[in-house]
Amino acid sequence: MRYKRTELAGNIGFSSIIDEKFKTGSLTVRFITELSGESATANALGVGVLSSSSSKYKTLALLNEKLSSLYGAALSTFSRKRGDVQILGLTSSWIVNKYAIDGEDVNAEMLDTIRGCIFEPNAENGEFDAESFAITKKDLLDRIDAELNNKRGYALSRAAEIAFSGEPAEFSCYGTKEAASAITSAEAYKAYRRLLETAQIEIYYIAPEEEPKVLEMFRESFAGISRNSGRIEFCRISPAKPETVTVSDEYDVLQCKMVMNFKSDSDDIFALKMLSTIFGETPVSKLFLNVREKMSLCYYCACRYTSPKGTLMVDIGVERDNIEKSKAEILRQLDEIRSGNVTDEEIQSALLSLDNALTQVGDTQASYSGWYFERFCDGKIKSPQEQFEDYSNVTKERIIEAAKTLRLDSVYLMLDKGGKA
């Protein structure tokens, strides 16, 4: 595997990842901007419409027909958030030339299609084509509804909103349903143009062999765009509230949800990740073995560490009567770690879990793209093997110190309607 990043003009990065085991090419273009409640929805729609048509393929049907003719090539868009940052993008994959029949230049055809979608969208007079925009808006509204209907996911979103109140991270990467319903095609087009001109842009090309035409296509295409982009701050630790805040909502659910947000001001991200793994990320973690298995207080329990915000979130599915017992036991298990109750077996189990995840990087092109983008955000490019060494060097003492830096910031409760108080 060979990795190389080239800095293009105007705060644009182009990374190539060459691995001969693949038979397809993959291209992901990420537009990176500050997350904002005012612009999140317009940004999501502005980029989302790019995969529904272009000036050359003016309908979704025509674009899909073209992709099908290229041996079933794929093209889609996405919107995500990473801490205080909104990440929007277009991703595609296709069979490379050496595996095509009769010497077809699939690479060139796909690059031309991608170039058209990004730089020559189906738009006139400052707005997107009405049909393409309507399809994109419906997809976004359906996605927002799906998130609302996923009660565990929604509880985590509400918990983030409470934990990061007053910070960009409180907002959804899609914005709200009300905003999505109200956004016009012209507003979405304006957001798309703003991203082209001001967003930090990172491009990832993963393939079995080099293809210089990819970099040159982007260099030439962006040359005609006036860029005014600043560097994004990817890590912005969220300060803990002076006192723990508890917020509850009632819904038509059979199973209550509780999310506990802990915050740390430590920069020892590897110790915090080891702590999170030992605390609640695996089936042999302290929370799973004690809160769920031994005490039978919850249906599920999980833990996740968000390094860009210095936040550890514990979420459980629980009966209302067991909420306070569960909360007390979760806090007790954290105190166990703070007091030094961490065994060598727990540390080795955490390392095995992390090693298993890291060894999967490179199995797919998406995993390569995601890995190297995350390392770019961290500010230091390293291989999965080098990252594992960082985890392996974490001592028991560092894990204990990391646990001592955690403060309970907020608790979110999703309660069942009509349940006992």
Protein backbone atom coordinates (compact mmCIF):
# COMPACT_ATOMS: atom_id res chain seq x y z
CA MET A 1 0.00 0.00 0.00
CA ARG A 2 1.27 3.48 -0.89
CA TYR A 3 -0.16 6.69 0.57
CA LYS A 4 0.62 10.20 -0.68
CA ARG A 5 -1.04 13.54 -0.03
CA THR A 6 -0.58 16.51 -2.36
CA GLU A 7 -1.60 20.02 -1.39
CA LEU A 8 -3.43 21.75 -4.22
CA ALA A 9 -4.03 25.48 -4.37
CA GLY A 10 -6.67 27.08 -2.19
CA ASN A 11 -6.64 24.74 0.83
CA ILE A 12 -7.45 21.60 -1.17
CA GLY A 13 -5.77 18.26 -0.44
CA PHE A 14 -5.52 15.30 -2.79
CA SER A 15 -4.59 11.92 -1.28
CA SER A 16 -3.88 8.81 -3.33
CA ILE A 17 -3.91 5.38 -1.72
CA ILE A 18 -2.64 2.66 -4.02
CA ASP A 19 -3.25 -0.99 -3.14
CA GLU A 20 -2.89 -3.62 -5.86
CA LYS A 21 -5.44 -5.98 -4.32
CA PHE A 22 -8.37 -3.85 -5.47
CA LYS A 23 -10.08 -4.17 -8.85
CA THR A 24 -12.02 -0.93 -8.60
CA GLY A 25 -11.26 2.74 -8.26
CA SER A 26 -12.83 4.79 -5.49
CA LEU A 27 -13.05 8.56 -5.20
CA THR A 28 -14.37 10.54 -2.23
CA VAL A 29 -14.55 14.35 -2.16
CA ARG A 30 -15.15 15.88 1.27
CA PHE A 31 -16.28 19.47 1.78
CA ILE A 32 -15.41 20.48 5.35
CA THR A 33 -17.01 23.47 7.02
CA GLU A 34 -18.03 24.76 10.46
CA LEU A 35 -21.25 23.12 11.63
CA SER A 36 -24.04 25.66 12.00
CA GLY A 37 -27.74 25.43 12.70
CA GLU A 38 -28.31 28.15 10.11
CA SER A 39 -26.48 26.48 7.22
CA ALA A 40 -26.46 22.72 7.96
CA THR A 41 -29.64 21.93 6.01
CA ALA A 42 -28.80 24.08 2.98
CA ASN A 43 -25.33 22.53 2.86
CA ALA A 44 -26.72 18.99 3.06
CA LEU A 45 -29.17 19.69 0.23
CA GLY A 46 -26.64 21.63 -1.84
CA VAL A 47 -24.23 18.72 -1.91
CA GLY A 48 -26.94 16.04 -1.87
CA VAL A 49 -28.41 17.14 -5.19
CA LEU A 50 -25.06 16.55 -6.94
CA SER A 51 -25.67 12.80 -7.11
CA SER A 52 -29.13 13.12 -8.69
CA SER A 53 -28.22 14.72 -12.04
CA SER A 54 -25.76 16.96 -13.91
CA SER A 55 -25.86 19.33 -16.86
CA LYS A 56 -25.07 16.34 -19.09
CA TYR A 57 -27.34 13.77 -17.42
CA LYS A 58 -30.34 15.91 -16.53
CA THR A 59 -32.40 13.31 -14.66
CA LEU A 60 -31.66 10.68 -12.06
CA ALA A 61 -32.76 8.03 -14.56
CA LEU A 62 -30.25 9.22 -17.17
CA LEU A 63 -27.44 9.42 -14.61
CA ASN A 64 -28.20 5.92 -13.33
CA GLU A 65 -28.31 4.64 -16.90
CA LYS A 66 -24.82 6.04 -17.46
CA LEU A 67 -23.51 4.48 -14.24
CA SER A 68 -25.04 1.13 -15.19
CA SER A 69 -23.28 1.23 -18.55
CA LEU A 70 -19.97 1.58 -16.68
CA TYR A 71 -20.28 -1.94 -15.23
CA GLY A 72 -22.58 -0.81 -12.45
CA ALA A 73 -20.53 2.10 -11.15
CA ALA A 74 -21.82 3.78 -8.00
CA LEU A 75 -22.15 7.43 -6.99
CA SER A 76 -23.73 8.88 -3.86
CA THR A 77 -23.52 11.82 -1.46
CA PHE A 78 -23.39 12.07 2.34
CA SER A 79 -23.51 14.50 5.25
CA ARG A 80 -21.87 13.84 8.63
CA LYS A 81 -20.55 15.70 11.61
CA ARG A 82 -17.28 15.37 13.49
CA GLY A 83 -17.36 17.46 16.63
CA ASP A 84 -17.97 21.06 15.59
CA VAL A 85 -17.43 20.31 11.90
CA GLN A 86 -19.88 19.40 9.14
CA ILE A 87 -18.46 17.04 6.51
CA LEU A 88 -20.34 16.78 3.23
CA GLY A 89 -19.23 14.78 0.28
CA LEU A 90 -19.60 12.78 -2.86
CA THR A 91 -18.26 9.25 -3.13
CA SER A 92 -18.02 6.93 -6.13
CA SER A 93 -16.58 3.61 -7.24
CA TRP A 94 -16.06 1.86 -10.59
CA ILE A 95 -14.15 -0.98 -12.21
CA VAL A 96 -10.69 0.10 -13.39
CA ASN A 97 -9.62 -0.09 -17.03
CA LYS A 98 -7.53 -3.26 -16.85
CA TYR A 99 -10.61 -5.30 -15.91
CA ALA A 100 -12.94 -3.76 -18.51
CA ILE A 101 -13.90 -5.61 -21.71
CA ASP A 102 -12.40 -4.60 -25.08
CA GLY A 103 -10.12 -1.94 -23.61
CA GLU A 104 -12.86 0.49 -22.58
CA ASP A 105 -11.61 3.63 -20.82
CA VAL A 106 -13.92 3.39 -17.81
CA ASN A 107 -11.64 5.65 -15.75
CA ALA A 108 -12.04 8.55 -18.18
CA GLU A 109 -15.81 8.05 -18.50
CA MET A 110 -16.28 7.97 -14.74
CA LEU A 111 -14.04 10.97 -14.13
CA ASP A 112 -16.00 12.95 -16.70
CA THR A 113 -19.25 11.96 -14.99
CA ILE A 114 -17.95 12.95 -11.55
CA ARG A 115 -16.56 16.23 -12.87
CA GLY A 116 -19.95 17.06 -14.38
CA CYS A 117 -21.82 16.29 -11.16
CA ILE A 118 -19.53 18.44 -8.99
CA PHE A 119 -18.56 21.31 -11.29
CA GLU A 120 -21.40 21.38 -13.83
CA PRO A 121 -24.58 20.55 -11.89
CA ASN A 122 -28.05 20.61 -13.38
CA ALA A 123 -28.77 24.24 -12.55
CA GLU A 124 -29.87 27.44 -14.27
CA ASN A 125 -30.43 31.03 -13.15
CA GLY A 126 -28.97 30.42 -9.69
CA GLU A 127 -30.99 27.38 -8.71
CA PHE A 128 -30.97 23.62 -9.12
CA ASP A 129 -33.30 21.78 -11.48
CA ALA A 130 -36.70 21.48 -9.77
CA GLU A 131 -37.08 17.71 -10.21
CA SER A 132 -33.54 16.90 -9.02
CA PHE A 133 -33.94 19.16 -6.01
CA ALA A 134 -37.33 17.68 -5.12
CA ILE A 135 -35.84 14.14 -5.13
CA THR A 136 -32.98 15.26 -2.89
CA LYS A 137 -35.25 17.10 -0.47
CA LYS A 138 -37.53 14.05 -0.11
CA ASP A 139 -34.52 11.84 0.57
CA LEU A 140 -33.31 14.22 3.26
CA LEU A 141 -36.72 14.45 4.91
CA ASP A 142 -36.97 10.63 4.89
CA ARG A 143 -33.51 10.40 6.47
CA ILE A 144 -34.49 12.84 9.23
CA ASP A 145 -37.69 10.87 9.88
CA ALA A 146 -35.69 7.64 10.04
CA GLU A 147 -33.41 9.14 12.68
CA LEU A 148 -36.40 10.30 14.72
CA ASN A 149 -37.87 6.80 14.54
CA ASN A 150 -34.62 5.21 15.70
CA LYS A 151 -35.14 5.91 19.39
CA ARG A 152 -31.66 4.90 20.54
CA GLY A 153 -30.04 7.04 17.86
CA TYR A 154 -32.38 9.91 18.63
CA ALA A 155 -31.55 9.68 22.34
CA LEU A 156 -27.86 10.01 21.48
CA SER A 157 -28.60 13.03 19.29
CA ARG A 158 -30.60 14.70 22.07
CA ALA A 159 -27.83 13.91 24.54
CA ALA A 160 -25.29 15.60 22.25
CA GLU A 161 -27.57 18.60 21.89
CA ILE A 162 -27.65 18.96 25.68
CA ALA A 163 -23.96 18.23 26.26
CA PHE A 164 -22.78 20.70 23.62
CA SER A 165 -25.42 23.40 24.10
CA GLY A 166 -24.06 26.68 22.76
CA GLU A 167 -21.42 24.90 20.66
CA PRO A 168 -21.63 23.95 16.95
CA ALA A 169 -21.67 20.24 17.88
CA GLU A 170 -25.17 20.62 19.33
CA PHE A 171 -26.63 20.70 15.80
CA SER A 172 -27.46 17.79 13.51
CA CYS A 173 -25.48 17.46 10.28
CA TYR A 174 -28.86 17.52 8.46
CA GLY A 175 -30.41 20.41 10.33
CA THR A 176 -34.07 20.15 11.31
CA LYS A 177 -37.12 18.81 9.50
CA GLU A 178 -38.66 22.28 9.53
CA ALA A 179 -35.56 23.79 7.91
CA ALA A 180 -35.41 21.02 5.30
CA SER A 181 -39.06 21.59 4.39
CA ALA A 182 -38.52 25.32 4.00
CA ILE A 183 -35.25 25.42 2.05
CA THR A 184 -35.60 26.49 -1.60
CA SER A 185 -33.63 25.30 -4.58
CA ALA A 186 -31.98 28.70 -4.89
CA GLU A 187 -30.85 28.61 -1.24
CA ALA A 188 -29.39 25.14 -1.69
CA TYR A 189 -27.57 26.24 -4.84
CA LYS A 190 -26.12 29.23 -3.02
CA ALA A 191 -24.88 26.92 -0.26
CA TYR A 192 -23.30 24.60 -2.85
CA ARG A 193 -21.44 27.52 -4.45
CA ARG A 194 -20.32 28.76 -1.03
CA LEU A 195 -18.86 25.34 -0.22
CA LEU A 196 -16.99 25.21 -3.52
CA GLU A 197 -15.43 28.57 -2.73
CA THR A 198 -14.88 28.47 1.05
CA ALA A 199 -14.88 24.90 2.39
CA GLN A 200 -11.70 23.03 3.17
CA ILE A 201 -11.66 20.18 0.64
CA GLU A 202 -10.02 16.77 1.00
CA ILE A 203 -10.08 14.33 -1.94
CA TYR A 204 -9.24 10.62 -1.60
CA TYR A 205 -8.49 8.37 -4.57
CA ILE A 206 -8.05 4.66 -3.82
CA ALA A 207 -7.17 2.26 -6.64
CA PRO A 208 -4.86 -0.62 -7.63
CA GLU A 209 -2.61 1.70 -9.63
CA GLU A 210 -1.83 5.37 -10.11
CA GLU A 211 -4.06 7.50 -12.36
CA PRO A 212 -2.55 11.00 -12.80
CA LYS A 213 -5.66 12.15 -14.67
CA VAL A 214 -7.62 12.22 -11.41
CA LEU A 215 -5.42 14.83 -9.74
CA GLU A 216 -5.17 16.86 -12.93
CA MET A 217 -8.95 16.85 -13.37
CA PHE A 218 -9.41 18.42 -9.94
CA ARG A 219 -6.52 20.84 -10.38
CA GLU A 220 -7.99 22.13 -13.64
CA SER A 221 -11.57 22.20 -12.38
CA PHE A 222 -10.77 24.17 -9.23
CA ALA A 223 -8.52 26.54 -11.16
CA GLY A 224 -11.62 28.27 -12.47
CA ILE A 225 -13.10 28.81 -8.98
CA SER A 226 -12.17 31.76 -6.79
CA ARG A 227 -11.24 30.20 -3.46
CA ASN A 228 -11.23 31.88 -0.06
CA SER A 229 -10.87 29.07 2.46
CA GLY A 230 -9.39 28.91 5.95
CA ARG A 231 -8.11 25.94 7.89
CA ILE A 232 -10.67 24.06 9.95
CA GLU A 233 -10.14 23.43 13.67
CA PHE A 234 -10.99 19.75 14.04
CA CYS A 235 -10.53 19.38 17.79
CA ARG A 236 -12.27 21.72 20.21
CA ILE A 237 -12.64 20.27 23.71
CA SER A 238 -16.03 20.93 25.28
CA PRO A 239 -15.85 22.27 28.85
CA ALA A 240 -17.85 20.47 31.51
CA LYS A 241 -20.80 22.32 33.00
CA PRO A 242 -20.38 23.66 36.56
CA GLU A 243 -23.12 21.28 37.71
CA THR A 244 -24.57 18.17 36.09
CA VAL A 245 -27.67 18.91 34.01
CA THR A 246 -30.47 16.34 33.67
CA VAL A 247 -33.07 16.61 30.89
CA SER A 248 -35.95 14.20 30.28
CA ASP A 249 -38.55 13.73 27.54
CA GLU A 250 -41.51 11.38 27.36
CA TYR A 251 -42.26 9.33 24.26
CA ASP A 252 -44.40 6.37 23.24
CA VAL A 253 -41.65 3.86 23.98
CA LEU A 254 -41.66 0.59 25.86
CA GLN A 255 -38.01 0.88 26.88
CA CYS A 256 -36.51 3.99 28.45
CA LYS A 257 -33.11 5.29 27.33
CA MET A 258 -30.46 6.99 29.40
CA VAL A 259 -27.36 8.73 28.06
CA MET A 260 -24.68 9.98 30.44
CA ASN A 261 -22.17 12.49 29.06
CA PHE A 262 -18.76 12.63 30.71
CA LYS A 263 -16.20 15.29 29.71
CA SER A 264 -12.43 15.40 30.05
CA ASP A 265 -9.88 18.17 29.53
CA SER A 266 -7.06 15.64 29.05
CA ASP A 267 -5.15 15.49 25.75
CA ASP A 268 -4.13 11.85 26.34
CA ILE A 269 -6.49 10.54 23.66
CA PHE A 270 -4.98 7.06 23.61
CA ALA A 271 -5.43 6.56 27.35
CA LEU A 272 -9.00 7.87 27.09
CA LYS A 273 -9.76 5.44 24.26
CA MET A 274 -8.30 2.55 26.27
CA LEU A 275 -10.37 3.68 29.25
CA SER A 276 -13.52 3.81 27.13
CA THR A 277 -12.87 0.30 25.78
CA ILE A 278 -12.32 -1.16 29.24
CA PHE A 279 -15.25 0.77 30.70
CA GLY A 280 -17.99 -0.09 28.21
CA GLU A 281 -17.11 -0.79 24.59
CA THR A 282 -16.87 -4.61 24.60
CA PRO A 283 -18.83 -7.64 25.88
CA VAL A 284 -16.18 -8.07 28.58
CA SER A 285 -16.19 -4.43 29.68
CA LYS A 286 -17.01 -3.39 33.22
CA LEU A 287 -20.40 -1.93 32.30
CA PHE A 288 -21.52 -4.93 30.26
CA LEU A 289 -20.41 -7.52 32.81
CA ASN A 290 -21.74 -5.69 35.86
CA VAL A 291 -24.62 -3.36 34.92
CA ARG A 292 -26.13 -5.66 32.31
CA GLU A 293 -25.05 -9.23 33.11
CA LYS A 294 -24.44 -9.42 36.85
CA MET A 295 -27.08 -6.95 38.04
CA SER A 296 -29.53 -7.22 35.10
CA LEU A 297 -30.27 -3.50 35.29
CA CYS A 298 -30.46 -2.75 31.55
CA TYR A 299 -31.18 -4.28 28.16
CA TYR A 300 -28.02 -2.93 26.57
CA CYS A 301 -25.20 -0.65 27.60
CA ALA A 302 -22.46 0.87 25.50
CA CYS A 303 -19.74 3.46 25.73
CA ARG A 304 -18.15 5.65 23.05
CA TYR A 305 -15.35 8.20 23.17
CA THR A 306 -15.47 11.29 20.94
CA SER A 307 -11.95 12.69 20.85
CA PRO A 308 -12.75 15.95 18.96
CA LYS A 309 -14.90 17.06 21.91
CA GLY A 310 -13.16 15.21 24.75
CA THR A 311 -16.42 13.47 25.58
CA LEU A 312 -17.29 9.94 26.68
CA MET A 313 -20.95 8.91 26.31
CA VAL A 314 -22.58 5.96 28.06
CA ASP A 315 -25.99 4.90 26.77
CA ILE A 316 -28.32 2.21 28.06
CA GLY A 317 -31.80 0.83 27.46
CA VAL A 318 -33.51 0.50 30.82
CA GLU A 319 -36.79 0.18 32.69
CA ARG A 320 -37.83 3.41 34.42
CA ASP A 321 -37.61 1.77 37.86
CA ASN A 322 -33.97 0.87 37.26
CA ILE A 323 -32.71 4.23 36.01
CA GLU A 324 -31.26 5.49 39.30
CA LYS A 325 -29.79 2.07 40.18
CA SER A 326 -28.14 1.89 36.76
CA LYS A 327 -26.77 5.41 37.03
CA ALA A 328 -25.31 4.68 40.47
CA GLU A 329 -23.65 1.48 39.26
CA ILE A 330 -22.19 3.17 36.17
CA LEU A 331 -20.65 5.84 38.41
CA ARG A 332 -19.41 3.15 40.80
CA GLN A 333 -17.68 1.26 37.99
CA LEU A 334 -15.94 4.46 36.90
CA ASP A 335 -14.82 5.01 40.49
CA GLU A 336 -13.46 1.46 40.47
CA ILE A 337 -11.15 2.42 37.60
CA ARG A 338 -10.21 5.70 39.29
CA SER A 339 -9.19 3.77 42.40
CA GLY A 340 -6.95 1.45 40.37
CA ASN A 341 -9.21 -1.55 39.83
CA VAL A 342 -7.92 -2.30 36.33
CA THR A 343 -6.47 -5.75 35.69
CA ASP A 344 -3.82 -6.79 33.17
CA GLU A 345 -6.45 -9.05 31.62
CA GLU A 346 -8.77 -6.07 31.03
CA ILE A 347 -5.96 -4.11 29.41
CA GLN A 348 -5.04 -7.01 27.14
CA SER A 349 -8.68 -7.57 26.24
CA ALA A 350 -9.01 -3.88 25.29
CA LEU A 351 -5.88 -4.12 23.15
CA LEU A 352 -7.23 -7.20 21.38
CA SER A 353 -10.47 -5.39 20.63
CA LEU A 354 -8.64 -2.36 19.25
CA ASP A 355 -6.24 -4.53 17.27
CA ASN A 356 -9.17 -6.37 15.70
CA ALA A 357 -10.68 -3.07 14.55
CA LEU A 358 -7.37 -1.72 13.28
CA THR A 359 -6.50 -4.83 11.27
CA GLN A 360 -9.70 -4.36 9.27
CA VAL A 361 -8.46 -1.04 7.89
CA GLY A 362 -7.65 -1.66 4.24
CA ASP A 363 -10.13 -4.49 3.75
CA THR A 364 -12.26 -2.02 1.82
CA GLN A 365 -11.52 1.21 0.01
CA ALA A 366 -13.96 3.05 2.27
CA SER A 367 -11.96 1.96 5.33
CA TYR A 368 -8.77 3.38 3.80
CA SER A 369 -10.49 6.67 2.97
CA GLY A 370 -12.02 6.94 6.43
CA TRP A 371 -8.81 6.02 8.23
CA TYR A 372 -6.54 8.50 6.50
CA PHE A 373 -9.12 11.26 6.67
CA GLU A 374 -9.45 10.75 10.43
CA ARG A 375 -5.66 10.86 10.82
CA PHE A 376 -5.59 14.06 8.78
CA CYS A 377 -8.14 15.53 11.20
CA ASP A 378 -5.99 14.38 14.13
CA GLY A 379 -3.06 16.28 12.65
CA LYS A 380 -0.70 13.33 12.26
CA ILE A 381 -0.75 10.69 9.50
CA LYS A 382 0.06 7.24 10.79
CA SER A 383 -0.66 3.64 9.84
CA PRO A 384 -3.02 1.40 11.82
CA GLN A 385 0.05 -0.48 13.09
CA GLU A 386 1.57 2.75 14.39
CA GLN A 387 -1.71 3.65 16.07
CA PHE A 388 -1.81 0.24 17.75
CA GLU A 389 1.67 0.92 19.15
CA ASP A 390 0.27 4.09 20.71
CA TYR A 391 -2.42 2.04 22.43
CA SER A 392 0.06 -0.64 23.47
CA ASN A 393 2.20 1.98 25.20
CA VAL A 394 -0.66 3.14 27.42
CA THR A 395 0.04 2.12 30.99
CA LYS A 396 -2.40 1.26 33.74
CA GLU A 397 -1.43 4.51 35.47
CA ARG A 398 -2.36 6.57 32.41
CA ILE A 399 -5.77 4.85 32.25
CA ILE A 400 -6.40 5.65 35.91
CA GLU A 401 -5.37 9.28 35.42
CA ALA A 402 -7.62 9.53 32.36
CA ALA A 403 -10.56 8.24 34.43
CA LYS A 404 -9.87 10.87 37.08
CA THR A 405 -10.26 13.66 34.51
CA LEU A 406 -13.82 12.64 33.61
CA ARG A 407 -16.68 14.77 34.95
CA LEU A 408 -20.38 13.99 34.58
CA ASP A 409 -21.61 16.86 32.42
CA SER A 410 -25.20 15.92 31.64
CA VAL A 411 -27.77 13.14 31.63
CA TYR A 412 -30.51 12.67 29.07
CA LEU A 413 -33.53 10.47 29.81
CA MET A 414 -36.02 9.25 27.23
CA LEU A 415 -38.93 8.09 29.39
CA ASP A 416 -41.96 5.99 28.60
CA LYS A 417 -45.26 7.87 28.66
CA GLY A 418 -47.41 6.90 31.56
CA GLY A 419 -44.57 5.22 33.43
CA LYS A 420 -44.16 5.57 37.16
CA ALA A 421 -42.22 8.65 38.27
